[in-house]
């Protein structure tokens, strides 16, 4: 569990400056928006979390693309 926490912190530390810079360059959002985006990217950076996403019928949501 501790390794997951460290991994999450490292991913967040990676994504947060990127989302802040991108929001600033695009003149959208603020610190709250960039923090939220970084959090979402951190959550789905792990493939086990990404593959949890399913379409309403239970199939993988991206298989229809």
Protein backbone atom coordinates (compact mmCIF):
# COMPACT_ATOMS: atom_id res chain seq x y z
CA UNK A 1 0.00 0.00 0.00
CA UNK A 2 2.83 2.37 0.79
CA UNK A 3 4.41 1.75 -2.62
CA UNK A 4 1.09 2.69 -4.29
CA UNK A 5 1.06 5.90 -2.30
CA UNK A 6 4.61 6.73 -3.37
CA UNK A 7 3.80 5.83 -6.97
CA UNK A 8 0.73 8.09 -6.91
CA UNK A 9 2.74 10.95 -5.42
CA UNK A 10 5.40 10.56 -8.11
CA UNK A 11 2.81 10.55 -10.89
CA UNK A 12 1.06 13.58 -9.43
CA UNK A 13 4.40 15.39 -9.16
CA UNK A 14 4.95 14.62 -12.84
CA UNK A 15 1.51 15.67 -14.10
CA UNK A 16 0.84 18.74 -11.95
CA UNK A 17 3.46 21.08 -13.49
CA UNK A 18 2.40 19.98 -16.97
CA UNK A 19 -1.28 20.66 -16.37
CA UNK A 20 -0.52 23.99 -14.72
CA UNK A 21 1.60 25.10 -17.66
CA UNK A 22 -0.95 23.88 -20.20
CA UNK A 23 -3.86 25.64 -18.46
CA UNK A 24 -1.80 28.81 -18.28
CA UNK A 25 -0.80 28.65 -21.96
CA UNK A 26 -4.40 28.05 -23.02
CA UNK A 27 -5.75 30.67 -20.60
CA UNK A 28 -8.29 28.21 -19.21
CA UNK A 29 -9.06 27.31 -15.66
CA UNK A 30 -7.01 28.04 -12.60
CA UNK A 31 -5.04 26.12 -9.98
CA UNK A 32 -8.12 24.10 -9.06
CA UNK A 33 -8.70 23.01 -12.66
CA UNK A 34 -5.08 22.07 -13.25
CA UNK A 35 -4.96 20.12 -9.98
CA UNK A 36 -8.13 18.26 -10.95
CA UNK A 37 -6.72 17.40 -14.39
CA UNK A 38 -3.48 16.18 -12.83
CA UNK A 39 -5.47 14.04 -10.42
CA UNK A 40 -7.49 12.46 -13.25
CA UNK A 41 -4.34 11.77 -15.25
CA UNK A 42 -2.73 10.24 -12.17
CA UNK A 43 -5.75 8.02 -11.55
CA UNK A 44 -5.83 6.61 -15.07
CA UNK A 45 -2.08 6.41 -15.68
CA UNK A 46 -2.16 2.94 -14.15
CA UNK A 47 -3.46 0.40 -16.64
CA UNK A 48 -5.31 -1.61 -14.00
CA UNK A 49 -7.41 1.47 -13.29
CA UNK A 50 -7.88 2.37 -16.95
CA UNK A 51 -9.16 -1.08 -17.88
CA UNK A 52 -11.86 -0.89 -15.17
CA UNK A 53 -13.82 1.44 -17.44
CA UNK A 54 -16.67 -0.44 -19.09
CA UNK A 55 -19.53 0.45 -21.39
CA UNK A 56 -23.05 0.06 -19.96
CA UNK A 57 -23.27 -3.46 -21.48
CA UNK A 58 -20.09 -4.54 -19.70
CA UNK A 59 -17.76 -4.48 -22.70
CA UNK A 60 -14.65 -2.35 -22.75
CA UNK A 61 -15.66 1.22 -23.48
CA UNK A 62 -12.87 1.77 -26.03
CA UNK A 63 -13.47 -1.44 -28.04
CA UNK A 64 -16.15 0.32 -30.11
CA UNK A 65 -13.70 2.88 -31.52
